[in-house]
Amino acid sequence: MSFLQMPHPAAARRRFLGQSGLILSGTAVALLAGRDALAAQAGAAAPQDVQILNTALGAELEAIAAYQLGAESQLLQKTALDLALSFQAHHKEHAEVLAKTVEKLGGKPVAAKAAYGFPVEQLKSQADVLRFAARLEQGAVSAYLGAVPLFGNRDLSKAAASILGDEAMHWAVLRQALGETPVPSAFVS
C-alpha cells in the first residue's frame, strides 16, 4: 500500500516500521552517515539492516514517481512545476544514498515499481496535484518520525532526522502553496 493511501500519518509510520523490521546496525548507521571507515570497524550488517534501508528506499522511489506524475500532468504552473522538480531531486538524492548503502552492506537495492496506483483520475487541477504531493510528504514525515527514535546509534538517528527535516519542509511548502497554514501545529505527528 502506498503512503498516499494511508488514512492517517500514524498508519504510514506503522507501515514503514512494520516493513522494515528491526533497527539498523552500527554498520548501516556508519554507511548511511557516509562514514565508511567507521563502517569497516563495525563489522557485517544483519539482514534486517538491508530490509529497513530498502523500505526507506522504496518510499523515496514512490515519491520520485509521484513527482514525475505531477510534473507530467500539465496541471502545474511554472512556479509549482519548478517546486515539484526540486523536491523530486531531493528524493532522488535520498534514494541514491539509501541504494548505495544497501549495496555497501551486500544487499540488493529495491527497484522502483512499474506502477504505484496513484489516484490519477482525481488529479484535475494544480491544487489536486499539490494536495497529492502534500499527503505523500506527510506520510514520509510520519514514517521517518517513527523510525528516528528506534536507532541505537546516534549517527543514524541524525541521518534519518536530516531526511525527516527535508520531508517536513516539503510538506510545509506544499501546504503554503495550497493557501493552508504551512505549519498547522507545534508538533509533527
N, C-alpha and C. Protein backbone atom coordinates (compact mmCIF):
# COMPACT_ATOMS: atom_id res chain seq x y z
N MET A 1 0.84 -1.18 0.00
CA MET A 1 0.00 0.00 0.00
C MET A 1 0.89 1.25 0.00
N SER A 2 0.52 2.21 -0.77
CA SER A 2 1.26 3.46 -0.90
C SER A 2 1.07 4.34 0.32
N PHE A 3 2.06 5.20 0.60
CA PHE A 3 1.91 6.18 1.66
C PHE A 3 0.72 7.08 1.39
N LEU A 4 0.37 7.27 0.13
CA LEU A 4 -0.75 8.13 -0.23
C LEU A 4 -2.09 7.52 0.16
N GLN A 5 -2.13 6.23 0.31
CA GLN A 5 -3.38 5.56 0.62
C GLN A 5 -3.57 5.35 2.12
N MET A 6 -2.65 5.86 2.91
CA MET A 6 -2.75 5.72 4.36
C MET A 6 -3.84 6.66 4.89
N PRO A 7 -4.74 6.16 5.74
CA PRO A 7 -5.82 7.00 6.26
C PRO A 7 -5.33 8.07 7.24
N HIS A 8 -4.19 7.86 7.85
CA HIS A 8 -3.69 8.77 8.87
C HIS A 8 -2.16 8.65 8.90
N PRO A 9 -1.45 9.72 9.29
CA PRO A 9 0.01 9.65 9.35
C PRO A 9 0.54 8.49 10.20
N ALA A 10 -0.17 8.15 11.27
CA ALA A 10 0.28 7.04 12.12
C ALA A 10 0.28 5.73 11.33
N ALA A 11 -0.65 5.58 10.40
CA ALA A 11 -0.68 4.36 9.58
C ALA A 11 0.55 4.29 8.68
N ALA A 12 0.98 5.43 8.16
CA ALA A 12 2.19 5.46 7.34
C ALA A 12 3.40 5.06 8.18
N ARG A 13 3.47 5.57 9.40
CA ARG A 13 4.57 5.23 10.29
C ARG A 13 4.57 3.73 10.58
N ARG A 14 3.38 3.17 10.88
CA ARG A 14 3.29 1.72 11.16
C ARG A 14 3.71 0.91 9.94
N ARG A 15 3.30 1.35 8.73
CA ARG A 15 3.68 0.63 7.51
C ARG A 15 5.19 0.61 7.35
N PHE A 16 5.79 1.77 7.52
CA PHE A 16 7.23 1.87 7.36
C PHE A 16 7.95 0.97 8.36
N LEU A 17 7.57 1.08 9.62
CA LEU A 17 8.24 0.31 10.66
C LEU A 17 7.93 -1.18 10.55
N GLY A 18 6.72 -1.51 10.17
CA GLY A 18 6.33 -2.90 10.04
C GLY A 18 7.07 -3.60 8.92
N GLN A 19 7.32 -2.90 7.83
CA GLN A 19 8.03 -3.49 6.70
C GLN A 19 9.52 -3.54 6.92
N SER A 20 10.02 -2.65 7.75
CA SER A 20 11.47 -2.55 7.85
C SER A 20 12.07 -3.46 8.90
N GLY A 21 11.28 -3.98 9.78
CA GLY A 21 11.81 -4.90 10.77
C GLY A 21 12.52 -4.19 11.89
N LEU A 22 13.66 -4.69 12.28
CA LEU A 22 14.39 -4.16 13.42
C LEU A 22 15.21 -2.95 13.06
N ILE A 23 15.84 -2.38 14.05
CA ILE A 23 16.66 -1.19 13.81
C ILE A 23 17.94 -1.55 13.07
N LEU A 24 18.57 -0.55 12.54
CA LEU A 24 19.81 -0.75 11.79
C LEU A 24 20.98 -1.00 12.72
N SER A 25 21.94 -1.74 12.23
CA SER A 25 23.16 -1.98 12.99
C SER A 25 24.09 -0.79 12.91
N GLY A 26 25.14 -0.82 13.70
CA GLY A 26 26.15 0.23 13.65
C GLY A 26 26.78 0.35 12.27
N THR A 27 26.91 -0.75 11.56
CA THR A 27 27.47 -0.71 10.22
C THR A 27 26.59 0.10 9.29
N ALA A 28 25.30 -0.18 9.31
CA ALA A 28 24.38 0.57 8.45
C ALA A 28 24.36 2.04 8.82
N VAL A 29 24.42 2.30 10.10
CA VAL A 29 24.45 3.68 10.58
C VAL A 29 25.65 4.41 9.99
N ALA A 30 26.79 3.78 10.10
CA ALA A 30 28.02 4.42 9.61
C ALA A 30 27.98 4.62 8.11
N LEU A 31 27.47 3.64 7.38
CA LEU A 31 27.39 3.77 5.93
C LEU A 31 26.40 4.86 5.53
N LEU A 32 25.24 4.87 6.17
CA LEU A 32 24.23 5.86 5.84
C LEU A 32 24.73 7.26 6.14
N ALA A 33 25.49 7.40 7.19
CA ALA A 33 26.02 8.70 7.56
C ALA A 33 27.27 9.06 6.75
N GLY A 34 27.70 8.16 5.84
CA GLY A 34 28.85 8.46 4.97
C GLY A 34 30.18 8.22 5.66
N ARG A 35 30.21 7.37 6.64
CA ARG A 35 31.44 7.12 7.39
C ARG A 35 31.94 5.70 7.11
N ASP A 36 32.54 5.52 5.94
CA ASP A 36 32.98 4.20 5.53
C ASP A 36 34.01 3.58 6.47
N ALA A 37 34.94 4.39 7.01
CA ALA A 37 35.96 3.87 7.91
C ALA A 37 35.32 3.32 9.18
N LEU A 38 34.36 4.04 9.73
CA LEU A 38 33.66 3.56 10.91
C LEU A 38 32.88 2.29 10.58
N ALA A 39 32.30 2.24 9.40
CA ALA A 39 31.55 1.06 8.98
C ALA A 39 32.44 -0.16 8.92
N ALA A 40 33.65 0.00 8.43
CA ALA A 40 34.58 -1.12 8.33
C ALA A 40 34.90 -1.67 9.71
N GLN A 41 34.99 -0.81 10.72
CA GLN A 41 35.27 -1.26 12.09
C GLN A 41 34.08 -1.95 12.72
N ALA A 42 32.87 -1.60 12.28
CA ALA A 42 31.66 -2.08 12.94
C ALA A 42 31.33 -3.53 12.61
N GLY A 43 31.86 -4.07 11.53
CA GLY A 43 31.59 -5.46 11.19
C GLY A 43 30.45 -5.60 10.20
N ALA A 44 30.00 -6.83 10.00
CA ALA A 44 28.99 -7.12 9.00
C ALA A 44 27.60 -6.68 9.46
N ALA A 45 26.78 -6.36 8.51
CA ALA A 45 25.42 -5.92 8.80
C ALA A 45 24.49 -7.11 8.90
N ALA A 46 23.48 -6.97 9.71
CA ALA A 46 22.46 -8.00 9.83
C ALA A 46 21.48 -7.85 8.67
N PRO A 47 20.80 -8.93 8.26
CA PRO A 47 19.86 -8.85 7.14
C PRO A 47 18.76 -7.79 7.34
N GLN A 48 18.32 -7.59 8.59
CA GLN A 48 17.26 -6.60 8.81
C GLN A 48 17.74 -5.18 8.52
N ASP A 49 19.05 -4.95 8.56
CA ASP A 49 19.58 -3.63 8.23
C ASP A 49 19.29 -3.29 6.77
N VAL A 50 19.51 -4.24 5.90
CA VAL A 50 19.24 -4.04 4.48
C VAL A 50 17.73 -3.88 4.28
N GLN A 51 16.94 -4.64 5.02
CA GLN A 51 15.49 -4.56 4.88
C GLN A 51 14.96 -3.17 5.25
N ILE A 52 15.42 -2.59 6.35
CA ILE A 52 14.93 -1.27 6.74
C ILE A 52 15.38 -0.21 5.74
N LEU A 53 16.60 -0.32 5.25
CA LEU A 53 17.08 0.62 4.24
C LEU A 53 16.27 0.50 2.95
N ASN A 54 15.97 -0.72 2.56
CA ASN A 54 15.18 -0.92 1.35
C ASN A 54 13.75 -0.40 1.50
N THR A 55 13.20 -0.47 2.70
CA THR A 55 11.87 0.09 2.94
C THR A 55 11.90 1.60 2.74
N ALA A 56 12.91 2.24 3.29
CA ALA A 56 13.07 3.69 3.10
C ALA A 56 13.31 4.01 1.63
N LEU A 57 14.13 3.21 0.97
CA LEU A 57 14.40 3.41 -0.45
C LEU A 57 13.11 3.28 -1.26
N GLY A 58 12.30 2.30 -0.95
CA GLY A 58 11.03 2.12 -1.65
C GLY A 58 10.13 3.35 -1.52
N ALA A 59 10.11 3.94 -0.33
CA ALA A 59 9.31 5.15 -0.12
C ALA A 59 9.86 6.32 -0.93
N GLU A 60 11.16 6.43 -1.01
CA GLU A 60 11.76 7.51 -1.79
C GLU A 60 11.48 7.32 -3.28
N LEU A 61 11.53 6.08 -3.76
CA LEU A 61 11.24 5.81 -5.17
C LEU A 61 9.78 6.13 -5.49
N GLU A 62 8.90 5.86 -4.53
CA GLU A 62 7.48 6.21 -4.71
C GLU A 62 7.33 7.73 -4.84
N ALA A 63 8.04 8.47 -4.02
CA ALA A 63 7.97 9.93 -4.07
C ALA A 63 8.50 10.45 -5.41
N ILE A 64 9.58 9.86 -5.90
CA ILE A 64 10.13 10.27 -7.20
C ILE A 64 9.07 10.06 -8.29
N ALA A 65 8.42 8.92 -8.27
CA ALA A 65 7.38 8.62 -9.27
C ALA A 65 6.20 9.57 -9.13
N ALA A 66 5.83 9.90 -7.90
CA ALA A 66 4.70 10.81 -7.67
C ALA A 66 5.00 12.19 -8.23
N TYR A 67 6.19 12.69 -7.97
CA TYR A 67 6.56 14.00 -8.51
C TYR A 67 6.67 13.97 -10.02
N GLN A 68 7.09 12.85 -10.58
CA GLN A 68 7.14 12.73 -12.04
C GLN A 68 5.73 12.82 -12.62
N LEU A 69 4.80 12.12 -11.98
CA LEU A 69 3.40 12.17 -12.40
C LEU A 69 2.89 13.61 -12.36
N GLY A 70 3.18 14.30 -11.27
CA GLY A 70 2.75 15.69 -11.15
C GLY A 70 3.37 16.58 -12.21
N ALA A 71 4.65 16.36 -12.47
CA ALA A 71 5.36 17.17 -13.47
C ALA A 71 4.79 16.95 -14.87
N GLU A 72 4.43 15.72 -15.17
CA GLU A 72 3.92 15.38 -16.50
C GLU A 72 2.43 15.64 -16.66
N SER A 73 1.77 16.00 -15.58
CA SER A 73 0.31 16.19 -15.62
C SER A 73 -0.13 17.39 -16.44
N GLN A 74 0.76 18.30 -16.68
CA GLN A 74 0.46 19.56 -17.38
C GLN A 74 -0.54 20.41 -16.61
N LEU A 75 -0.69 20.14 -15.33
CA LEU A 75 -1.60 20.90 -14.47
C LEU A 75 -0.85 21.94 -13.63
N LEU A 76 0.47 21.86 -13.61
CA LEU A 76 1.26 22.75 -12.76
C LEU A 76 1.75 23.96 -13.52
N GLN A 77 1.55 25.12 -12.91
CA GLN A 77 2.12 26.35 -13.46
C GLN A 77 3.62 26.31 -13.20
N LYS A 78 4.38 27.17 -13.86
CA LYS A 78 5.83 27.12 -13.81
C LYS A 78 6.39 27.10 -12.39
N THR A 79 5.90 27.96 -11.52
CA THR A 79 6.43 28.01 -10.15
C THR A 79 6.20 26.68 -9.42
N ALA A 80 5.00 26.14 -9.54
CA ALA A 80 4.69 24.86 -8.89
C ALA A 80 5.47 23.72 -9.54
N LEU A 81 5.64 23.76 -10.85
CA LEU A 81 6.41 22.74 -11.54
C LEU A 81 7.87 22.77 -11.08
N ASP A 82 8.44 23.96 -11.00
CA ASP A 82 9.83 24.08 -10.52
C ASP A 82 9.97 23.53 -9.11
N LEU A 83 8.99 23.81 -8.27
CA LEU A 83 8.98 23.31 -6.90
C LEU A 83 8.93 21.78 -6.89
N ALA A 84 8.04 21.22 -7.68
CA ALA A 84 7.90 19.76 -7.75
C ALA A 84 9.20 19.10 -8.22
N LEU A 85 9.82 19.67 -9.23
CA LEU A 85 11.07 19.10 -9.74
C LEU A 85 12.21 19.23 -8.72
N SER A 86 12.20 20.32 -7.98
CA SER A 86 13.20 20.50 -6.93
C SER A 86 13.03 19.44 -5.83
N PHE A 87 11.78 19.24 -5.41
CA PHE A 87 11.52 18.23 -4.38
C PHE A 87 11.83 16.82 -4.90
N GLN A 88 11.53 16.58 -6.17
CA GLN A 88 11.85 15.29 -6.76
C GLN A 88 13.37 15.05 -6.72
N ALA A 89 14.14 16.10 -6.99
CA ALA A 89 15.60 15.98 -6.95
C ALA A 89 16.08 15.62 -5.55
N HIS A 90 15.44 16.17 -4.51
CA HIS A 90 15.80 15.81 -3.14
C HIS A 90 15.54 14.33 -2.90
N HIS A 91 14.38 13.84 -3.35
CA HIS A 91 14.07 12.43 -3.17
C HIS A 91 15.04 11.54 -3.94
N LYS A 92 15.49 12.00 -5.10
CA LYS A 92 16.48 11.25 -5.86
C LYS A 92 17.79 11.16 -5.08
N GLU A 93 18.18 12.25 -4.42
CA GLU A 93 19.40 12.22 -3.60
C GLU A 93 19.24 11.25 -2.43
N HIS A 94 18.08 11.29 -1.77
CA HIS A 94 17.84 10.34 -0.67
C HIS A 94 17.94 8.90 -1.19
N ALA A 95 17.29 8.65 -2.31
CA ALA A 95 17.28 7.29 -2.88
C ALA A 95 18.68 6.83 -3.25
N GLU A 96 19.47 7.72 -3.80
CA GLU A 96 20.84 7.37 -4.19
C GLU A 96 21.67 6.95 -2.97
N VAL A 97 21.57 7.72 -1.91
CA VAL A 97 22.32 7.40 -0.68
C VAL A 97 21.84 6.08 -0.10
N LEU A 98 20.53 5.89 -0.05
CA LEU A 98 20.00 4.64 0.51
C LEU A 98 20.41 3.44 -0.34
N ALA A 99 20.33 3.56 -1.66
CA ALA A 99 20.71 2.45 -2.54
C ALA A 99 22.19 2.11 -2.40
N LYS A 100 23.04 3.12 -2.35
CA LYS A 100 24.47 2.88 -2.18
C LYS A 100 24.75 2.20 -0.84
N THR A 101 24.02 2.59 0.17
CA THR A 101 24.21 1.99 1.49
C THR A 101 23.80 0.52 1.47
N VAL A 102 22.68 0.22 0.83
CA VAL A 102 22.24 -1.17 0.71
C VAL A 102 23.32 -1.99 0.00
N GLU A 103 23.86 -1.45 -1.09
CA GLU A 103 24.91 -2.16 -1.83
C GLU A 103 26.15 -2.36 -0.98
N LYS A 104 26.56 -1.33 -0.23
CA LYS A 104 27.75 -1.45 0.62
C LYS A 104 27.56 -2.52 1.69
N LEU A 105 26.30 -2.74 2.06
CA LEU A 105 26.01 -3.76 3.07
C LEU A 105 25.86 -5.15 2.44
N GLY A 106 26.07 -5.23 1.13
CA GLY A 106 25.98 -6.53 0.46
C GLY A 106 24.58 -6.89 0.01
N GLY A 107 23.66 -5.96 0.10
CA GLY A 107 22.28 -6.22 -0.31
C GLY A 107 22.02 -5.73 -1.71
N LYS A 108 20.82 -6.02 -2.16
CA LYS A 108 20.38 -5.56 -3.47
C LYS A 108 19.30 -4.51 -3.25
N PRO A 109 19.54 -3.28 -3.72
CA PRO A 109 18.53 -2.23 -3.55
C PRO A 109 17.23 -2.58 -4.26
N VAL A 110 16.12 -2.24 -3.64
CA VAL A 110 14.83 -2.45 -4.28
C VAL A 110 14.74 -1.54 -5.50
N ALA A 111 13.99 -1.99 -6.46
CA ALA A 111 13.77 -1.20 -7.68
C ALA A 111 12.43 -0.48 -7.57
N ALA A 112 12.30 0.54 -8.37
CA ALA A 112 11.03 1.25 -8.44
C ALA A 112 9.97 0.30 -8.98
N LYS A 113 8.75 0.46 -8.51
CA LYS A 113 7.65 -0.36 -9.01
C LYS A 113 7.28 0.10 -10.41
N ALA A 114 6.71 -0.80 -11.18
CA ALA A 114 6.24 -0.45 -12.52
C ALA A 114 5.04 0.49 -12.42
N ALA A 115 4.23 0.33 -11.38
CA ALA A 115 3.05 1.18 -11.18
C ALA A 115 2.79 1.30 -9.68
N TYR A 116 2.34 2.47 -9.26
CA TYR A 116 2.07 2.71 -7.84
C TYR A 116 0.60 2.86 -7.50
N GLY A 117 -0.26 2.87 -8.46
CA GLY A 117 -1.68 3.01 -8.19
C GLY A 117 -2.05 4.39 -7.67
N PHE A 118 -1.35 5.41 -8.17
CA PHE A 118 -1.65 6.77 -7.78
C PHE A 118 -3.06 7.15 -8.27
N PRO A 119 -3.71 8.06 -7.57
CA PRO A 119 -5.09 8.45 -7.93
C PRO A 119 -5.13 9.43 -9.11
N VAL A 120 -4.66 9.00 -10.25
CA VAL A 120 -4.53 9.85 -11.43
C VAL A 120 -5.87 10.49 -11.80
N GLU A 121 -6.94 9.73 -11.70
CA GLU A 121 -8.27 10.23 -12.09
C GLU A 121 -8.74 11.38 -11.19
N GLN A 122 -8.13 11.54 -10.03
CA GLN A 122 -8.51 12.62 -9.11
C GLN A 122 -7.68 13.88 -9.31
N LEU A 123 -6.69 13.83 -10.16
CA LEU A 123 -5.82 14.98 -10.40
C LEU A 123 -6.34 15.80 -11.57
N LYS A 124 -7.12 16.83 -11.24
CA LYS A 124 -7.77 17.63 -12.27
C LYS A 124 -7.34 19.09 -12.24
N SER A 125 -6.56 19.46 -11.23
CA SER A 125 -6.12 20.85 -11.11
C SER A 125 -4.76 20.90 -10.43
N GLN A 126 -4.15 22.07 -10.47
CA GLN A 126 -2.88 22.24 -9.76
C GLN A 126 -3.05 21.94 -8.27
N ALA A 127 -4.14 22.41 -7.69
CA ALA A 127 -4.38 22.16 -6.26
C ALA A 127 -4.47 20.66 -5.96
N ASP A 128 -5.08 19.90 -6.84
CA ASP A 128 -5.17 18.45 -6.65
C ASP A 128 -3.77 17.82 -6.63
N VAL A 129 -2.92 18.26 -7.55
CA VAL A 129 -1.57 17.71 -7.63
C VAL A 129 -0.78 18.10 -6.37
N LEU A 130 -0.90 19.33 -5.93
CA LEU A 130 -0.19 19.78 -4.74
C LEU A 130 -0.69 19.05 -3.49
N ARG A 131 -2.00 18.82 -3.39
CA ARG A 131 -2.55 18.06 -2.25
C ARG A 131 -2.03 16.62 -2.26
N PHE A 132 -1.98 16.05 -3.44
CA PHE A 132 -1.45 14.69 -3.63
C PHE A 132 -0.01 14.62 -3.11
N ALA A 133 0.81 15.58 -3.52
CA ALA A 133 2.21 15.61 -3.07
C ALA A 133 2.30 15.88 -1.57
N ALA A 134 1.47 16.76 -1.06
CA ALA A 134 1.49 17.07 0.38
C ALA A 134 1.15 15.84 1.21
N ARG A 135 0.17 15.05 0.77
CA ARG A 135 -0.18 13.81 1.50
C ARG A 135 1.00 12.84 1.52
N LEU A 136 1.69 12.74 0.39
CA LEU A 136 2.86 11.86 0.32
C LEU A 136 3.94 12.33 1.28
N GLU A 137 4.20 13.63 1.29
CA GLU A 137 5.23 14.18 2.18
C GLU A 137 4.83 14.01 3.65
N GLN A 138 3.56 14.19 3.96
CA GLN A 138 3.09 14.00 5.33
C GLN A 138 3.32 12.55 5.77
N GLY A 139 3.05 11.61 4.88
CA GLY A 139 3.30 10.20 5.19
C GLY A 139 4.77 9.92 5.40
N ALA A 140 5.62 10.54 4.60
CA ALA A 140 7.07 10.35 4.76
C ALA A 140 7.56 10.94 6.07
N VAL A 141 7.04 12.11 6.43
CA VAL A 141 7.41 12.73 7.71
C VAL A 141 7.05 11.78 8.85
N SER A 142 5.86 11.27 8.81
CA SER A 142 5.40 10.37 9.87
C SER A 142 6.24 9.10 9.95
N ALA A 143 6.57 8.55 8.79
CA ALA A 143 7.37 7.32 8.76
C ALA A 143 8.76 7.54 9.33
N TYR A 144 9.43 8.61 8.90
CA TYR A 144 10.76 8.89 9.43
C TYR A 144 10.70 9.26 10.91
N LEU A 145 9.65 9.97 11.31
CA LEU A 145 9.49 10.33 12.72
C LEU A 145 9.41 9.07 13.58
N GLY A 146 8.71 8.08 13.10
CA GLY A 146 8.62 6.82 13.83
C GLY A 146 9.92 6.05 13.87
N ALA A 147 10.74 6.21 12.85
CA ALA A 147 11.99 5.45 12.77
C ALA A 147 13.13 6.07 13.57
N VAL A 148 13.19 7.40 13.63
CA VAL A 148 14.32 8.09 14.27
C VAL A 148 14.61 7.59 15.68
N PRO A 149 13.63 7.50 16.57
CA PRO A 149 13.95 7.10 17.94
C PRO A 149 14.34 5.63 18.10
N LEU A 150 14.13 4.83 17.08
CA LEU A 150 14.43 3.41 17.18
C LEU A 150 15.90 3.08 16.97
N PHE A 151 16.62 3.99 16.37
CA PHE A 151 18.01 3.71 16.05
C PHE A 151 18.86 3.73 17.31
N GLY A 152 19.67 2.69 17.48
CA GLY A 152 20.57 2.61 18.62
C GLY A 152 21.77 3.52 18.48
N ASN A 153 22.15 3.81 17.27
CA ASN A 153 23.32 4.65 17.02
C ASN A 153 22.86 6.07 16.74
N ARG A 154 23.40 7.02 17.46
CA ARG A 154 23.01 8.43 17.31
C ARG A 154 23.32 8.96 15.91
N ASP A 155 24.33 8.43 15.23
CA ASP A 155 24.63 8.88 13.88
C ASP A 155 23.49 8.55 12.92
N LEU A 156 22.90 7.38 13.08
CA LEU A 156 21.78 7.01 12.21
C LEU A 156 20.56 7.87 12.53
N SER A 157 20.33 8.11 13.80
CA SER A 157 19.22 9.00 14.18
C SER A 157 19.40 10.36 13.53
N LYS A 158 20.62 10.85 13.54
CA LYS A 158 20.92 12.15 12.94
C LYS A 158 20.67 12.13 11.43
N ALA A 159 21.11 11.06 10.76
CA ALA A 159 20.91 10.96 9.31
C ALA A 159 19.42 10.87 8.97
N ALA A 160 18.68 10.05 9.71
CA ALA A 160 17.25 9.91 9.47
C ALA A 160 16.51 11.20 9.79
N ALA A 161 16.93 11.89 10.84
CA ALA A 161 16.30 13.16 11.20
C ALA A 161 16.56 14.22 10.12
N SER A 162 17.70 14.14 9.48
CA SER A 162 18.00 15.06 8.39
C SER A 162 17.04 14.86 7.23
N ILE A 163 16.77 13.62 6.88
CA ILE A 163 15.80 13.34 5.83
C ILE A 163 14.41 13.75 6.29
N LEU A 164 14.07 13.46 7.54
CA LEU A 164 12.78 13.86 8.09
C LEU A 164 12.59 15.37 7.98
N GLY A 165 13.63 16.12 8.31
CA GLY A 165 13.56 17.58 8.22
C GLY A 165 13.27 18.05 6.81
N ASP A 166 13.90 17.41 5.83
CA ASP A 166 13.67 17.77 4.44
C ASP A 166 12.22 17.47 4.04
N GLU A 167 11.72 16.30 4.46
CA GLU A 167 10.34 15.93 4.13
C GLU A 167 9.36 16.90 4.79
N ALA A 168 9.64 17.31 6.03
CA ALA A 168 8.77 18.25 6.73
C ALA A 168 8.76 19.61 6.03
N MET A 169 9.92 20.04 5.55
CA MET A 169 9.96 21.30 4.80
C MET A 169 9.14 21.20 3.51
N HIS A 170 9.25 20.07 2.82
CA HIS A 170 8.45 19.87 1.62
C HIS A 170 6.96 20.00 1.95
N TRP A 171 6.56 19.32 3.01
CA TRP A 171 5.15 19.33 3.40
C TRP A 171 4.68 20.75 3.72
N ALA A 172 5.49 21.49 4.46
CA ALA A 172 5.13 22.87 4.83
C ALA A 172 5.02 23.77 3.60
N VAL A 173 5.97 23.65 2.69
CA VAL A 173 5.96 24.48 1.48
C VAL A 173 4.75 24.13 0.61
N LEU A 174 4.42 22.87 0.51
CA LEU A 174 3.25 22.47 -0.27
C LEU A 174 1.97 22.99 0.36
N ARG A 175 1.88 22.94 1.68
CA ARG A 175 0.71 23.50 2.38
C ARG A 175 0.61 25.00 2.09
N GLN A 176 1.73 25.68 2.14
CA GLN A 176 1.75 27.12 1.85
C GLN A 176 1.26 27.38 0.42
N ALA A 177 1.74 26.58 -0.52
CA ALA A 177 1.33 26.74 -1.92
C ALA A 177 -0.17 26.51 -2.11
N LEU A 178 -0.75 25.71 -1.23
CA LEU A 178 -2.19 25.45 -1.28
C LEU A 178 -3.01 26.51 -0.55
N GLY A 179 -2.31 27.46 0.06
CA GLY A 179 -3.01 28.50 0.81
C GLY A 179 -3.39 28.06 2.21
N GLU A 180 -2.79 26.97 2.67
CA GLU A 180 -3.05 26.45 4.02
C GLU A 180 -1.97 26.94 4.96
N THR A 181 -2.22 26.83 6.24
CA THR A 181 -1.20 27.17 7.23
C THR A 181 -0.04 26.20 7.02
N PRO A 182 1.16 26.73 6.76
CA PRO A 182 2.29 25.84 6.47
C PRO A 182 2.63 24.88 7.60
N VAL A 183 2.57 25.37 8.82
CA VAL A 183 2.88 24.54 9.99
C VAL A 183 1.64 24.54 10.87
N PRO A 184 0.78 23.54 10.74
CA PRO A 184 -0.52 23.55 11.39
C PRO A 184 -0.50 23.35 12.90
N SER A 185 0.60 22.86 13.43
CA SER A 185 0.68 22.67 14.88
C SER A 185 2.14 22.75 15.33
N ALA A 186 2.32 22.82 16.63
CA ALA A 186 3.66 22.95 17.19
C ALA A 186 4.44 21.64 17.16
N PHE A 187 3.76 20.54 16.89
CA PHE A 187 4.39 19.22 16.88
C PHE A 187 4.00 18.47 15.62
N VAL A 188 4.93 17.70 15.06
CA VAL A 188 4.67 16.85 13.92
C VAL A 188 4.26 15.50 14.45
N SER A 189 3.20 14.96 13.86
CA SER A 189 2.78 13.61 14.30
C SER A 189 2.56 12.72 13.10
